[in-house]
């Protein structure tokens, strides 16, 4: 399926993008190449191939959630660059 410059302009208008004529021509060519590659992939026989959620055979690598004791406020503030009594001090970001 060839992508025309008119289709590129239509897609660009939907995305509220503007391109030069050279960019439109390049995008039409590149999008046509992508669609040709997808069409080539559709020729493959995938009968009996299980669907994948990931290309690697991965299992859940996260640890089980377990309740643990929280660190104390003093211990948390000990690692802070600046602290004020029981609070972290951070730079003012809103004027």
PDB file of N, CA and C in Angstrom:
ATOM      1  N   UNK A   1       0.846  -1.179   0.000  1.00  0.00           N
ATOM      2  CA  UNK A   1       0.000   0.000   0.000  1.00  0.00           C
ATOM      3  C   UNK A   1       0.886   1.234   0.000  1.00  0.00           C
ATOM      4  N   UNK A   2       0.766   2.028  -1.010  1.00  0.00           N
ATOM      5  CA  UNK A   2       1.558   3.248  -1.112  1.00  0.00           C
ATOM      6  C   UNK A   2       0.867   4.387  -0.374  1.00  0.00           C
ATOM      7  N   UNK A   3       1.644   5.115   0.383  1.00  0.00           N
ATOM      8  CA  UNK A   3       1.124   6.279   1.089  1.00  0.00           C
ATOM      9  C   UNK A   3       1.398   7.497   0.215  1.00  0.00           C
ATOM     10  N   UNK A   4       0.365   8.234  -0.070  1.00  0.00           N
ATOM     11  CA  UNK A   4       0.502   9.419  -0.910  1.00  0.00           C
ATOM     12  C   UNK A   4       0.801  10.643  -0.054  1.00  0.00           C
ATOM     13  N   UNK A   5       1.252  11.688  -0.710  1.00  0.00           N
ATOM     14  CA  UNK A   5       1.516  12.953  -0.016  1.00  0.00           C
ATOM     15  C   UNK A   5       0.216  13.506   0.565  1.00  0.00           C
ATOM     16  N   UNK A   6      -0.902  13.272  -0.136  1.00  0.00           N
ATOM     17  CA  UNK A   6      -2.191  13.745   0.372  1.00  0.00           C
ATOM     18  C   UNK A   6      -2.536  13.045   1.692  1.00  0.00           C
ATOM     19  N   UNK A   7      -2.229  11.754   1.774  1.00  0.00           N
ATOM     20  CA  UNK A   7      -2.490  11.031   3.028  1.00  0.00           C
ATOM     21  C   UNK A   7      -1.586  11.548   4.144  1.00  0.00           C
ATOM     22  N   UNK A   8      -0.344  11.852   3.813  1.00  0.00           N
ATOM     23  CA  UNK A   8       0.568  12.417   4.809  1.00  0.00           C
ATOM     24  C   UNK A   8       0.029  13.750   5.301  1.00  0.00           C
ATOM     25  N   UNK A   9      -0.464  14.575   4.387  1.00  0.00           N
ATOM     26  CA  UNK A   9      -1.032  15.874   4.782  1.00  0.00           C
ATOM     27  C   UNK A   9      -2.257  15.688   5.669  1.00  0.00           C
ATOM     28  N   UNK A  10      -3.092  14.705   5.341  1.00  0.00           N
ATOM     29  CA  UNK A  10      -4.282  14.438   6.149  1.00  0.00           C
ATOM     30  C   UNK A  10      -3.891  13.992   7.559  1.00  0.00           C
ATOM     31  N   UNK A  11      -2.949  13.056   7.639  1.00  0.00           N
ATOM     32  CA  UNK A  11      -2.487  12.581   8.950  1.00  0.00           C
ATOM     33  C   UNK A  11      -1.851  13.724   9.726  1.00  0.00           C
ATOM     34  N   UNK A  12      -1.067  14.542   9.042  1.00  0.00           N
ATOM     35  CA  UNK A  12      -0.420  15.680   9.697  1.00  0.00           C
ATOM     36  C   UNK A  12      -1.467  16.661  10.225  1.00  0.00           C
ATOM     37  N   UNK A  13      -2.540  16.870   9.469  1.00  0.00           N
ATOM     38  CA  UNK A  13      -3.582  17.786   9.942  1.00  0.00           C
ATOM     39  C   UNK A  13      -4.276  17.231  11.176  1.00  0.00           C
ATOM     40  N   UNK A  14      -4.470  15.911  11.221  1.00  0.00           N
ATOM     41  CA  UNK A  14      -5.078  15.314  12.414  1.00  0.00           C
ATOM     42  C   UNK A  14      -4.191  15.495  13.638  1.00  0.00           C
ATOM     43  N   UNK A  15      -2.883  15.413  13.422  1.00  0.00           N
ATOM     44  CA  UNK A  15      -1.927  15.563  14.519  1.00  0.00           C
ATOM     45  C   UNK A  15      -1.507  17.016  14.724  1.00  0.00           C
ATOM     46  N   UNK A  16      -2.079  17.903  13.918  1.00  0.00           N
ATOM     47  CA  UNK A  16      -1.750  19.325  13.972  1.00  0.00           C
ATOM     48  C   UNK A  16      -0.245  19.557  13.779  1.00  0.00           C
ATOM     49  N   UNK A  17       0.287  18.911  12.739  1.00  0.00           N
ATOM     50  CA  UNK A  17       1.702  19.043  12.384  1.00  0.00           C
ATOM     51  C   UNK A  17       1.822  19.733  11.033  1.00  0.00           C
ATOM     52  N   UNK A  18       2.930  20.400  10.825  1.00  0.00           N
ATOM     53  CA  UNK A  18       3.203  21.013   9.534  1.00  0.00           C
ATOM     54  C   UNK A  18       4.548  20.521   9.040  1.00  0.00           C
ATOM     55  N   UNK A  19       4.601  20.200   7.750  1.00  0.00           N
ATOM     56  CA  UNK A  19       5.833  19.736   7.142  1.00  0.00           C
ATOM     57  C   UNK A  19       6.084  20.506   5.855  1.00  0.00           C
ATOM     58  N   UNK A  20       7.340  20.579   5.484  1.00  0.00           N
ATOM     59  CA  UNK A  20       7.671  21.160   4.180  1.00  0.00           C
ATOM     60  C   UNK A  20       7.313  20.128   3.112  1.00  0.00           C
ATOM     61  N   UNK A  21       7.315  20.547   1.857  1.00  0.00           N
ATOM     62  CA  UNK A  21       7.000  19.623   0.766  1.00  0.00           C
ATOM     63  C   UNK A  21       8.013  18.480   0.713  1.00  0.00           C
ATOM     64  N   UNK A  22       9.281  18.797   0.975  1.00  0.00           N
ATOM     65  CA  UNK A  22      10.314  17.758   0.974  1.00  0.00           C
ATOM     66  C   UNK A  22      10.066  16.751   2.098  1.00  0.00           C
ATOM     67  N   UNK A  23       9.690  17.256   3.275  1.00  0.00           N
ATOM     68  CA  UNK A  23       9.403  16.365   4.401  1.00  0.00           C
ATOM     69  C   UNK A  23       8.184  15.497   4.111  1.00  0.00           C
ATOM     70  N   UNK A  24       7.164  16.080   3.489  1.00  0.00           N
ATOM     71  CA  UNK A  24       5.968  15.308   3.142  1.00  0.00           C
ATOM     72  C   UNK A  24       6.318  14.174   2.187  1.00  0.00           C
ATOM     73  N   UNK A  25       7.145  14.467   1.191  1.00  0.00           N
ATOM     74  CA  UNK A  25       7.548  13.438   0.231  1.00  0.00           C
ATOM     75  C   UNK A  25       8.364  12.346   0.921  1.00  0.00           C
ATOM     76  N   UNK A  26       9.279  12.748   1.812  1.00  0.00           N
ATOM     77  CA  UNK A  26      10.096  11.772   2.535  1.00  0.00           C
ATOM     78  C   UNK A  26       9.226  10.907   3.445  1.00  0.00           C
ATOM     79  N   UNK A  27       8.294  11.541   4.158  1.00  0.00           N
ATOM     80  CA  UNK A  27       7.406  10.783   5.044  1.00  0.00           C
ATOM     81  C   UNK A  27       6.529   9.810   4.264  1.00  0.00           C
ATOM     82  N   UNK A  28       6.035  10.229   3.101  1.00  0.00           N
ATOM     83  CA  UNK A  28       5.215   9.341   2.278  1.00  0.00           C
ATOM     84  C   UNK A  28       6.025   8.114   1.863  1.00  0.00           C
ATOM     85  N   UNK A  29       7.277   8.348   1.458  1.00  0.00           N
ATOM     86  CA  UNK A  29       8.146   7.242   1.057  1.00  0.00           C
ATOM     87  C   UNK A  29       8.443   6.313   2.236  1.00  0.00           C
ATOM     88  N   UNK A  30       8.794   6.888   3.392  1.00  0.00           N
ATOM     89  CA  UNK A  30       9.137   6.081   4.562  1.00  0.00           C
ATOM     90  C   UNK A  30       7.926   5.298   5.079  1.00  0.00           C
ATOM     91  N   UNK A  31       6.757   5.938   5.090  1.00  0.00           N
ATOM     92  CA  UNK A  31       5.554   5.238   5.552  1.00  0.00           C
ATOM     93  C   UNK A  31       5.188   4.108   4.594  1.00  0.00           C
ATOM     94  N   UNK A  32       5.388   4.314   3.304  1.00  0.00           N
ATOM     95  CA  UNK A  32       5.134   3.253   2.322  1.00  0.00           C
ATOM     96  C   UNK A  32       6.078   2.080   2.552  1.00  0.00           C
ATOM     97  N   UNK A  33       7.348   2.367   2.886  1.00  0.00           N
ATOM     98  CA  UNK A  33       8.317   1.305   3.167  1.00  0.00           C
ATOM     99  C   UNK A  33       7.917   0.513   4.407  1.00  0.00           C
ATOM    100  N   UNK A  34       7.440   1.200   5.431  1.00  0.00           N
ATOM    101  CA  UNK A  34       7.006   0.514   6.657  1.00  0.00           C
ATOM    102  C   UNK A  34       5.823  -0.400   6.356  1.00  0.00           C
ATOM    103  N   UNK A  35       4.851   0.105   5.613  1.00  0.00           N
ATOM    104  CA  UNK A  35       3.680  -0.707   5.278  1.00  0.00           C
ATOM    105  C   UNK A  35       4.051  -1.885   4.383  1.00  0.00           C
ATOM    106  N   UNK A  36       5.025  -1.706   3.490  1.00  0.00           N
ATOM    107  CA  UNK A  36       5.486  -2.816   2.648  1.00  0.00           C
ATOM    108  C   UNK A  36       6.148  -3.884   3.505  1.00  0.00           C
ATOM    109  N   UNK A  37       6.903  -3.469   4.519  1.00  0.00           N
ATOM    110  CA  UNK A  37       7.541  -4.430   5.416  1.00  0.00           C
ATOM    111  C   UNK A  37       6.485  -5.199   6.216  1.00  0.00           C
ATOM    112  N   UNK A  38       5.465  -4.507   6.694  1.00  0.00           N
ATOM    113  CA  UNK A  38       4.387  -5.162   7.430  1.00  0.00           C
ATOM    114  C   UNK A  38       3.664  -6.153   6.521  1.00  0.00           C
ATOM    115  N   UNK A  39       3.431  -5.781   5.274  1.00  0.00           N
ATOM    116  CA  UNK A  39       2.780  -6.685   4.326  1.00  0.00           C
ATOM    117  C   UNK A  39       3.633  -7.926   4.110  1.00  0.00           C
ATOM    118  N   UNK A  40       4.948  -7.752   4.076  1.00  0.00           N
ATOM    119  CA  UNK A  40       5.848  -8.898   3.922  1.00  0.00           C
ATOM    120  C   UNK A  40       5.753  -9.815   5.142  1.00  0.00           C
ATOM    121  N   UNK A  41       5.651  -9.232   6.320  1.00  0.00           N
ATOM    122  CA  UNK A  41       5.517 -10.037   7.535  1.00  0.00           C
ATOM    123  C   UNK A  41       4.211 -10.819   7.542  1.00  0.00           C
ATOM    124  N   UNK A  42       3.167 -10.260   6.936  1.00  0.00           N
ATOM    125  CA  UNK A  42       1.877 -10.945   6.894  1.00  0.00           C
ATOM    126  C   UNK A  42       1.929 -12.206   6.050  1.00  0.00           C
ATOM    127  N   UNK A  43       2.951 -12.343   5.204  1.00  0.00           N
ATOM    128  CA  UNK A  43       3.098 -13.538   4.379  1.00  0.00           C
ATOM    129  C   UNK A  43       3.570 -14.747   5.187  1.00  0.00           C
ATOM    130  N   UNK A  44       4.130 -14.501   6.358  1.00  0.00           N
ATOM    131  CA  UNK A  44       4.662 -15.595   7.173  1.00  0.00           C
ATOM    132  C   UNK A  44       3.547 -16.490   7.694  1.00  0.00           C
ATOM    133  N   UNK A  45       3.835 -17.792   7.740  1.00  0.00           N
ATOM    134  CA  UNK A  45       2.890 -18.748   8.303  1.00  0.00           C
ATOM    135  C   UNK A  45       3.102 -18.795   9.813  1.00  0.00           C
ATOM    136  N   UNK A  46       2.135 -18.290  10.549  1.00  0.00           N
ATOM    137  CA  UNK A  46       2.248 -18.258  12.007  1.00  0.00           C
ATOM    138  C   UNK A  46       1.325 -19.275  12.666  1.00  0.00           C
ATOM    139  N   UNK A  47       0.835 -20.215  11.892  1.00  0.00           N
ATOM    140  CA  UNK A  47      -0.042 -21.261  12.433  1.00  0.00           C
ATOM    141  C   UNK A  47       0.727 -22.074  13.467  1.00  0.00           C
ATOM    142  N   UNK A  48       0.170 -22.194  14.649  1.00  0.00           N
ATOM    143  CA  UNK A  48       0.793 -22.980  15.705  1.00  0.00           C
ATOM    144  C   UNK A  48       1.833 -22.229  16.517  1.00  0.00           C
ATOM    145  N   UNK A  49       2.085 -20.977  16.180  1.00  0.00           N
ATOM    146  CA  UNK A  49       3.045 -20.181  16.939  1.00  0.00           C
ATOM    147  C   UNK A  49       2.290 -19.497  18.063  1.00  0.00           C
ATOM    148  N   UNK A  50       2.670 -19.750  19.307  1.00  0.00           N
ATOM    149  CA  UNK A  50       1.943 -19.129  20.418  1.00  0.00           C
ATOM    150  C   UNK A  50       2.174 -17.622  20.457  1.00  0.00           C
ATOM    151  N   UNK A  51       1.163 -16.904  20.901  1.00  0.00           N
ATOM    152  CA  UNK A  51       1.307 -15.454  21.033  1.00  0.00           C
ATOM    153  C   UNK A  51       2.239 -15.147  22.194  1.00  0.00           C
ATOM    154  N   UNK A  52       2.943 -14.047  22.082  1.00  0.00           N
ATOM    155  CA  UNK A  52       3.910 -13.648  23.096  1.00  0.00           C
ATOM    156  C   UNK A  52       3.561 -12.275  23.637  1.00  0.00           C
ATOM    157  N   UNK A  53       3.865 -12.073  24.894  1.00  0.00           N
ATOM    158  CA  UNK A  53       3.752 -10.733  25.443  1.00  0.00           C
ATOM    159  C   UNK A  53       5.121 -10.079  25.493  1.00  0.00           C
ATOM    160  N   UNK A  54       6.161 -10.881  25.295  1.00  0.00           N
ATOM    161  CA  UNK A  54       7.524 -10.382  25.324  1.00  0.00           C
ATOM    162  C   UNK A  54       8.380 -11.306  24.479  1.00  0.00           C
ATOM    163  N   UNK A  55       9.398 -10.775  23.846  1.00  0.00           N
ATOM    164  CA  UNK A  55      10.219 -11.605  22.973  1.00  0.00           C
ATOM    165  C   UNK A  55      11.107 -12.565  23.748  1.00  0.00           C
ATOM    166  N   UNK A  56      11.376 -12.273  24.999  1.00  0.00           N
ATOM    167  CA  UNK A  56      12.173 -13.159  25.829  1.00  0.00           C
ATOM    168  C   UNK A  56      11.258 -13.968  26.740  1.00  0.00           C
ATOM    169  N   UNK A  57      11.673 -15.163  27.070  1.00  0.00           N
ATOM    170  CA  UNK A  57      10.891 -16.001  27.973  1.00  0.00           C
ATOM    171  C   UNK A  57      11.153 -15.535  29.403  1.00  0.00           C
ATOM    172  N   UNK A  58      10.343 -14.571  29.837  1.00  0.00           N
ATOM    173  CA  UNK A  58      10.570 -13.974  31.153  1.00  0.00           C
ATOM    174  C   UNK A  58       9.469 -14.380  32.123  1.00  0.00           C
ATOM    175  N   UNK A  59       9.847 -14.475  33.341  1.00  0.00           N
ATOM    176  CA  UNK A  59       8.908 -14.707  34.427  1.00  0.00           C
ATOM    177  C   UNK A  59       8.886 -13.437  35.275  1.00  0.00           C
ATOM    178  N   UNK A  60       7.971 -13.373  36.199  1.00  0.00           N
ATOM    179  CA  UNK A  60       7.910 -12.231  37.093  1.00  0.00           C
ATOM    180  C   UNK A  60       9.202 -12.187  37.909  1.00  0.00           C
ATOM    181  N   UNK A  61       9.963 -11.124  37.735  1.00  0.00           N
ATOM    182  CA  UNK A  61      11.249 -11.017  38.417  1.00  0.00           C
ATOM    183  C   UNK A  61      11.158 -10.158  39.677  1.00  0.00           C
ATOM    184  N   UNK A  62       9.977  -9.718  40.008  1.00  0.00           N
ATOM    185  CA  UNK A  62       9.812  -8.883  41.186  1.00  0.00           C
ATOM    186  C   UNK A  62       9.655  -9.748  42.431  1.00  0.00           C
ATOM    187  N   UNK A  63      10.102  -9.216  43.521  1.00  0.00           N
ATOM    188  CA  UNK A  63       9.969  -9.940  44.790  1.00  0.00           C
ATOM    189  C   UNK A  63       8.519  -9.893  45.253  1.00  0.00           C
ATOM    190  N   UNK A  64       8.168 -10.797  46.094  1.00  0.00           N
ATOM    191  CA  UNK A  64       6.836 -10.803  46.680  1.00  0.00           C
ATOM    192  C   UNK A  64       6.701  -9.602  47.617  1.00  0.00           C
ATOM    193  N   UNK A  65       5.528  -9.009  47.637  1.00  0.00           N
ATOM    194  CA  UNK A  65       5.290  -7.923  48.572  1.00  0.00           C
ATOM    195  C   UNK A  65       5.245  -8.477  49.982  1.00  0.00           C
ATOM    196  N   UNK A  66       5.922  -7.804  50.872  1.00  0.00           N
ATOM    197  CA  UNK A  66       5.928  -8.220  52.271  1.00  0.00           C
ATOM    198  C   UNK A  66       5.976  -6.973  53.141  1.00  0.00           C
ATOM    199  N   UNK A  67       5.185  -6.973  54.177  1.00  0.00           N
ATOM    200  CA  UNK A  67       5.180  -5.845  55.106  1.00  0.00           C
ATOM    201  C   UNK A  67       6.483  -5.846  55.881  1.00  0.00           C
ATOM    202  N   UNK A  68       7.091  -4.683  55.965  1.00  0.00           N
ATOM    203  CA  UNK A  68       8.330  -4.539  56.726  1.00  0.00           C
ATOM    204  C   UNK A  68       8.210  -3.322  57.626  1.00  0.00           C
ATOM    205  N   UNK A  69       9.068  -3.248  58.610  1.00  0.00           N
ATOM    206  CA  UNK A  69       9.059  -2.107  59.515  1.00  0.00           C
ATOM    207  C   UNK A  69       9.534  -0.869  58.760  1.00  0.00           C
ATOM    208  N   UNK A  70       8.882   0.257  59.005  1.00  0.00           N
ATOM    209  CA  UNK A  70       9.272   1.499  58.359  1.00  0.00           C
ATOM    210  C   UNK A  70      10.503   2.074  59.051  1.00  0.00           C
ATOM    211  N   UNK A  71      11.253   2.869  58.308  1.00  0.00           N
ATOM    212  CA  UNK A  71      12.386   3.524  58.953  1.00  0.00           C
ATOM    213  C   UNK A  71      11.860   4.711  59.747  1.00  0.00           C
ATOM    214  N   UNK A  72      12.600   5.093  60.738  1.00  0.00           N
ATOM    215  CA  UNK A  72      12.164   6.207  61.577  1.00  0.00           C
ATOM    216  C   UNK A  72      12.349   7.526  60.831  1.00  0.00           C
ATOM    217  N   UNK A  73      11.663   8.542  61.301  1.00  0.00           N
ATOM    218  CA  UNK A  73      11.764   9.859  60.703  1.00  0.00           C
ATOM    219  C   UNK A  73      13.200  10.373  60.788  1.00  0.00           C
ATOM    220  N   UNK A  74      13.838  10.176  61.925  1.00  0.00           N
ATOM    221  CA  UNK A  74      15.217  10.624  62.107  1.00  0.00           C
ATOM    222  C   UNK A  74      16.151   9.935  61.117  1.00  0.00           C
ATOM    223  N   UNK A  75      15.940   8.650  60.907  1.00  0.00           N
ATOM    224  CA  UNK A  75      16.777   7.900  59.972  1.00  0.00           C
ATOM    225  C   UNK A  75      16.571   8.400  58.541  1.00  0.00           C
ATOM    226  N   UNK A  76      15.328   8.715  58.172  1.00  0.00           N
ATOM    227  CA  UNK A  76      15.051   9.229  56.840  1.00  0.00           C
ATOM    228  C   UNK A  76      15.668  10.609  56.651  1.00  0.00           C
ATOM    229  N   UNK A  77      15.558  11.465  57.648  1.00  0.00           N
ATOM    230  CA  UNK A  77      16.093  12.818  57.550  1.00  0.00           C
ATOM    231  C   UNK A  77      17.612  12.847  57.602  1.00  0.00           C
ATOM    232  N   UNK A  78      18.224  11.806  58.125  1.00  0.00           N
ATOM    233  CA  UNK A  78      19.670  11.738  58.218  1.00  0.00           C
ATOM    234  C   UNK A  78      20.305  11.757  56.811  1.00  0.00           C
ATOM    235  N   UNK A  79      19.621  11.208  55.812  1.00  0.00           N
ATOM    236  CA  UNK A  79      20.152  11.176  54.462  1.00  0.00           C
ATOM    237  C   UNK A  79      19.772  12.385  53.627  1.00  0.00           C
ATOM    238  N   UNK A  80      19.007  13.314  54.193  1.00  0.00           N
ATOM    239  CA  UNK A  80      18.547  14.482  53.439  1.00  0.00           C
ATOM    240  C   UNK A  80      19.648  15.530  53.339  1.00  0.00           C
ATOM    241  N   UNK A  81      19.764  16.217  52.183  1.00  0.00           N
ATOM    242  CA  UNK A  81      20.754  17.291  52.079  1.00  0.00           C
ATOM    243  C   UNK A  81      20.478  18.406  53.082  1.00  0.00           C
ATOM    244  N   UNK A  82      19.188  18.717  53.283  1.00  0.00           N
ATOM    245  CA  UNK A  82      18.799  19.723  54.277  1.00  0.00           C
ATOM    246  C   UNK A  82      17.525  19.267  54.962  1.00  0.00           C
ATOM    247  N   UNK A  83      17.454  19.511  56.264  1.00  0.00           N
ATOM    248  CA  UNK A  83      16.257  19.152  57.018  1.00  0.00           C
ATOM    249  C   UNK A  83      15.946  20.277  57.991  1.00  0.00           C
ATOM    250  N   UNK A  84      14.665  20.400  58.330  1.00  0.00           N
ATOM    251  CA  UNK A  84      14.219  21.425  59.272  1.00  0.00           C
ATOM    252  C   UNK A  84      13.332  20.722  60.282  1.00  0.00           C
ATOM    253  N   UNK A  85      13.825  20.492  61.463  1.00  0.00           N
ATOM    254  CA  UNK A  85      13.126  19.752  62.510  1.00  0.00           C
ATOM    255  C   UNK A  85      12.703  18.375  61.978  1.00  0.00           C
ATOM    256  N   UNK A  86      11.429  18.218  61.645  1.00  0.00           N
ATOM    257  CA  UNK A  86      10.931  16.904  61.241  1.00  0.00           C
ATOM    258  C   UNK A  86      10.593  16.842  59.759  1.00  0.00           C
ATOM    259  N   UNK A  87      11.122  17.798  58.946  1.00  0.00           N
ATOM    260  CA  UNK A  87      10.738  17.858  57.539  1.00  0.00           C
ATOM    261  C   UNK A  87      11.967  17.979  56.638  1.00  0.00           C
ATOM    262  N   UNK A  88      11.808  17.528  55.409  1.00  0.00           N
ATOM    263  CA  UNK A  88      12.832  17.752  54.399  1.00  0.00           C
ATOM    264  C   UNK A  88      12.736  19.204  53.951  1.00  0.00           C
ATOM    265  N   UNK A  89      13.861  19.834  53.707  1.00  0.00           N
ATOM    266  CA  UNK A  89      13.876  21.183  53.135  1.00  0.00           C
ATOM    267  C   UNK A  89      14.188  21.048  51.661  1.00  0.00           C
ATOM    268  N   UNK A  90      13.357  21.692  50.844  1.00  0.00           N
ATOM    269  CA  UNK A  90      13.550  21.655  49.400  1.00  0.00           C
ATOM    270  C   UNK A  90      13.519  23.082  48.877  1.00  0.00           C
ATOM    271  N   UNK A  91      14.150  23.322  47.724  1.00  0.00           N
ATOM    272  CA  UNK A  91      14.115  24.678  47.168  1.00  0.00           C
ATOM    273  C   UNK A  91      12.704  25.069  46.767  1.00  0.00           C
ATOM    274  N   UNK A  92      12.416  26.345  46.876  1.00  0.00           N
ATOM    275  CA  UNK A  92      11.120  26.875  46.471  1.00  0.00           C
ATOM    276  C   UNK A  92      11.052  26.816  44.947  1.00  0.00           C
ATOM    277  N   UNK A  93       9.974  26.242  44.418  1.00  0.00           N
ATOM    278  CA  UNK A  93       9.852  26.122  42.969  1.00  0.00           C
ATOM    279  C   UNK A  93       8.720  26.964  42.395  1.00  0.00           C
ATOM    280  N   UNK A  94       7.839  27.469  43.228  1.00  0.00           N
ATOM    281  CA  UNK A  94       6.720  28.299  42.774  1.00  0.00           C
ATOM    282  C   UNK A  94       6.876  29.671  43.417  1.00  0.00           C
ATOM    283  N   UNK A  95       6.875  30.682  42.603  1.00  0.00           N
ATOM    284  CA  UNK A  95       7.027  32.058  43.106  1.00  0.00           C
ATOM    285  C   UNK A  95       5.677  32.637  43.448  1.00  0.00           C
TER     286      UNK A  95
END
